[in-house]
């Protein structure tokens, strides 16, 4: 991904995190906010993959979950690298 795209990616991610933090500050339970965010992401991922009226086949579900898994693994890798730099 180009540097400009990565900057935009992080900015968009930060907006979702800020909104989740606002909801938590309003007194919503963090577990509920997390579940709602995941649900909204799943709905949007389905829309992107299958359109407004479509649904995912089992293969489509596998494809979307593999993207989520890879993203989560990358986040954890970055967190570990960040923690290691702080410890140095």
C-alpha atoms as a PDB file:
ATOM      1  CA  UNK A   1       0.000   0.000   0.000  1.00  0.00           C
ATOM      2  CA  UNK A   2       1.346   3.421  -0.897  1.00  0.00           C
ATOM      3  CA  UNK A   3       2.390   5.752   1.911  1.00  0.00           C
ATOM      4  CA  UNK A   4      -0.556   8.098   1.267  1.00  0.00           C
ATOM      5  CA  UNK A   5      -2.954   5.137   1.426  1.00  0.00           C
ATOM      6  CA  UNK A   6      -1.401   3.947   4.695  1.00  0.00           C
ATOM      7  CA  UNK A   7      -1.824   7.389   6.252  1.00  0.00           C
ATOM      8  CA  UNK A   8      -5.473   7.434   5.194  1.00  0.00           C
ATOM      9  CA  UNK A   9      -5.914   3.878   6.510  1.00  0.00           C
ATOM     10  CA  UNK A  10      -4.586   4.870   9.940  1.00  0.00           C
ATOM     11  CA  UNK A  11      -6.677   8.048  10.003  1.00  0.00           C
ATOM     12  CA  UNK A  12      -9.846   6.099   9.191  1.00  0.00           C
ATOM     13  CA  UNK A  13      -8.999   3.499  11.834  1.00  0.00           C
ATOM     14  CA  UNK A  14      -8.457   6.224  14.411  1.00  0.00           C
ATOM     15  CA  UNK A  15     -11.898   7.675  13.623  1.00  0.00           C
ATOM     16  CA  UNK A  16     -13.552   4.334  14.405  1.00  0.00           C
ATOM     17  CA  UNK A  17     -11.565   4.029  17.624  1.00  0.00           C
ATOM     18  CA  UNK A  18     -12.521   7.578  18.618  1.00  0.00           C
ATOM     19  CA  UNK A  19     -16.193   6.804  18.021  1.00  0.00           C
ATOM     20  CA  UNK A  20     -15.939   3.614  20.068  1.00  0.00           C
ATOM     21  CA  UNK A  21     -14.275   5.590  22.862  1.00  0.00           C
ATOM     22  CA  UNK A  22     -17.098   8.155  22.728  1.00  0.00           C
ATOM     23  CA  UNK A  23     -19.660   5.380  23.120  1.00  0.00           C
ATOM     24  CA  UNK A  24     -17.763   3.966  26.077  1.00  0.00           C
ATOM     25  CA  UNK A  25     -17.557   7.451  27.614  1.00  0.00           C
ATOM     26  CA  UNK A  26     -21.355   7.666  27.264  1.00  0.00           C
ATOM     27  CA  UNK A  27     -21.568   4.685  29.594  1.00  0.00           C
ATOM     28  CA  UNK A  28     -21.916   1.899  27.051  1.00  0.00           C
ATOM     29  CA  UNK A  29     -20.122  -1.286  28.063  1.00  0.00           C
ATOM     30  CA  UNK A  30     -16.903  -1.809  26.126  1.00  0.00           C
ATOM     31  CA  UNK A  31     -17.918  -5.409  25.330  1.00  0.00           C
ATOM     32  CA  UNK A  32     -21.155  -4.146  23.748  1.00  0.00           C
ATOM     33  CA  UNK A  33     -19.306  -1.443  21.799  1.00  0.00           C
ATOM     34  CA  UNK A  34     -16.805  -4.014  20.543  1.00  0.00           C
ATOM     35  CA  UNK A  35     -19.576  -6.444  19.520  1.00  0.00           C
ATOM     36  CA  UNK A  36     -21.468  -3.683  17.708  1.00  0.00           C
ATOM     37  CA  UNK A  37     -18.315  -2.535  15.905  1.00  0.00           C
ATOM     38  CA  UNK A  38     -17.572  -6.103  14.824  1.00  0.00           C
ATOM     39  CA  UNK A  39     -21.170  -6.569  13.672  1.00  0.00           C
ATOM     40  CA  UNK A  40     -21.120  -3.335  11.687  1.00  0.00           C
ATOM     41  CA  UNK A  41     -17.815  -4.338  10.127  1.00  0.00           C
ATOM     42  CA  UNK A  42     -19.255  -7.731   9.168  1.00  0.00           C
ATOM     43  CA  UNK A  43     -22.302  -6.111   7.596  1.00  0.00           C
ATOM     44  CA  UNK A  44     -20.108  -3.707   5.636  1.00  0.00           C
ATOM     45  CA  UNK A  45     -17.671  -6.450   4.588  1.00  0.00           C
ATOM     46  CA  UNK A  46     -20.631  -8.484   3.312  1.00  0.00           C
ATOM     47  CA  UNK A  47     -21.885  -5.452   1.382  1.00  0.00           C
ATOM     48  CA  UNK A  48     -18.452  -4.891  -0.188  1.00  0.00           C
ATOM     49  CA  UNK A  49     -18.083  -8.553  -1.141  1.00  0.00           C
ATOM     50  CA  UNK A  50     -21.643  -9.381  -2.191  1.00  0.00           C
ATOM     51  CA  UNK A  51     -23.497  -6.141  -2.805  1.00  0.00           C
ATOM     52  CA  UNK A  52     -26.509  -4.666  -1.077  1.00  0.00           C
ATOM     53  CA  UNK A  53     -28.875  -7.583  -1.682  1.00  0.00           C
ATOM     54  CA  UNK A  54     -26.413 -10.459  -1.544  1.00  0.00           C
ATOM     55  CA  UNK A  55     -25.014 -12.655   1.154  1.00  0.00           C
ATOM     56  CA  UNK A  56     -21.777 -14.544   1.478  1.00  0.00           C
ATOM     57  CA  UNK A  57     -21.401 -18.164   0.496  1.00  0.00           C
ATOM     58  CA  UNK A  58     -19.357 -20.366   2.849  1.00  0.00           C
ATOM     59  CA  UNK A  59     -16.355 -19.648   0.600  1.00  0.00           C
ATOM     60  CA  UNK A  60     -17.049 -15.915   0.874  1.00  0.00           C
ATOM     61  CA  UNK A  61     -17.239 -16.152   4.672  1.00  0.00           C
ATOM     62  CA  UNK A  62     -13.903 -17.970   4.661  1.00  0.00           C
ATOM     63  CA  UNK A  63     -12.362 -15.305   2.426  1.00  0.00           C
ATOM     64  CA  UNK A  64     -13.597 -12.415   4.619  1.00  0.00           C
ATOM     65  CA  UNK A  65     -12.539 -14.123   7.861  1.00  0.00           C
ATOM     66  CA  UNK A  66      -9.082 -14.811   6.436  1.00  0.00           C
ATOM     67  CA  UNK A  67      -8.701 -11.072   5.762  1.00  0.00           C
ATOM     68  CA  UNK A  68      -9.806 -10.301   9.346  1.00  0.00           C
ATOM     69  CA  UNK A  69      -7.360 -12.890  10.686  1.00  0.00           C
ATOM     70  CA  UNK A  70      -4.450 -11.494   8.663  1.00  0.00           C
ATOM     71  CA  UNK A  71      -5.289  -7.957   9.809  1.00  0.00           C
ATOM     72  CA  UNK A  72      -5.477  -9.016  13.459  1.00  0.00           C
ATOM     73  CA  UNK A  73      -2.162 -10.856  13.164  1.00  0.00           C
ATOM     74  CA  UNK A  74      -0.564  -7.755  11.643  1.00  0.00           C
ATOM     75  CA  UNK A  75      -1.919  -5.558  14.455  1.00  0.00           C
ATOM     76  CA  UNK A  76      -0.452  -7.917  17.059  1.00  0.00           C
ATOM     77  CA  UNK A  77       2.905  -8.001  15.257  1.00  0.00           C
ATOM     78  CA  UNK A  78       3.031  -4.195  15.201  1.00  0.00           C
ATOM     79  CA  UNK A  79       2.118  -4.040  18.903  1.00  0.00           C
ATOM     80  CA  UNK A  80       4.883  -6.518  19.770  1.00  0.00           C
ATOM     81  CA  UNK A  81       7.422  -4.575  17.709  1.00  0.00           C
ATOM     82  CA  UNK A  82       6.315  -1.335  19.351  1.00  0.00           C
ATOM     83  CA  UNK A  83       6.633  -2.872  22.822  1.00  0.00           C
ATOM     84  CA  UNK A  84      10.099  -4.183  22.015  1.00  0.00           C
ATOM     85  CA  UNK A  85      11.254  -0.727  20.877  1.00  0.00           C
ATOM     86  CA  UNK A  86       9.966   0.828  24.096  1.00  0.00           C
ATOM     87  CA  UNK A  87      11.795  -1.784  26.185  1.00  0.00           C
ATOM     88  CA  UNK A  88      15.115  -1.085  24.410  1.00  0.00           C
END
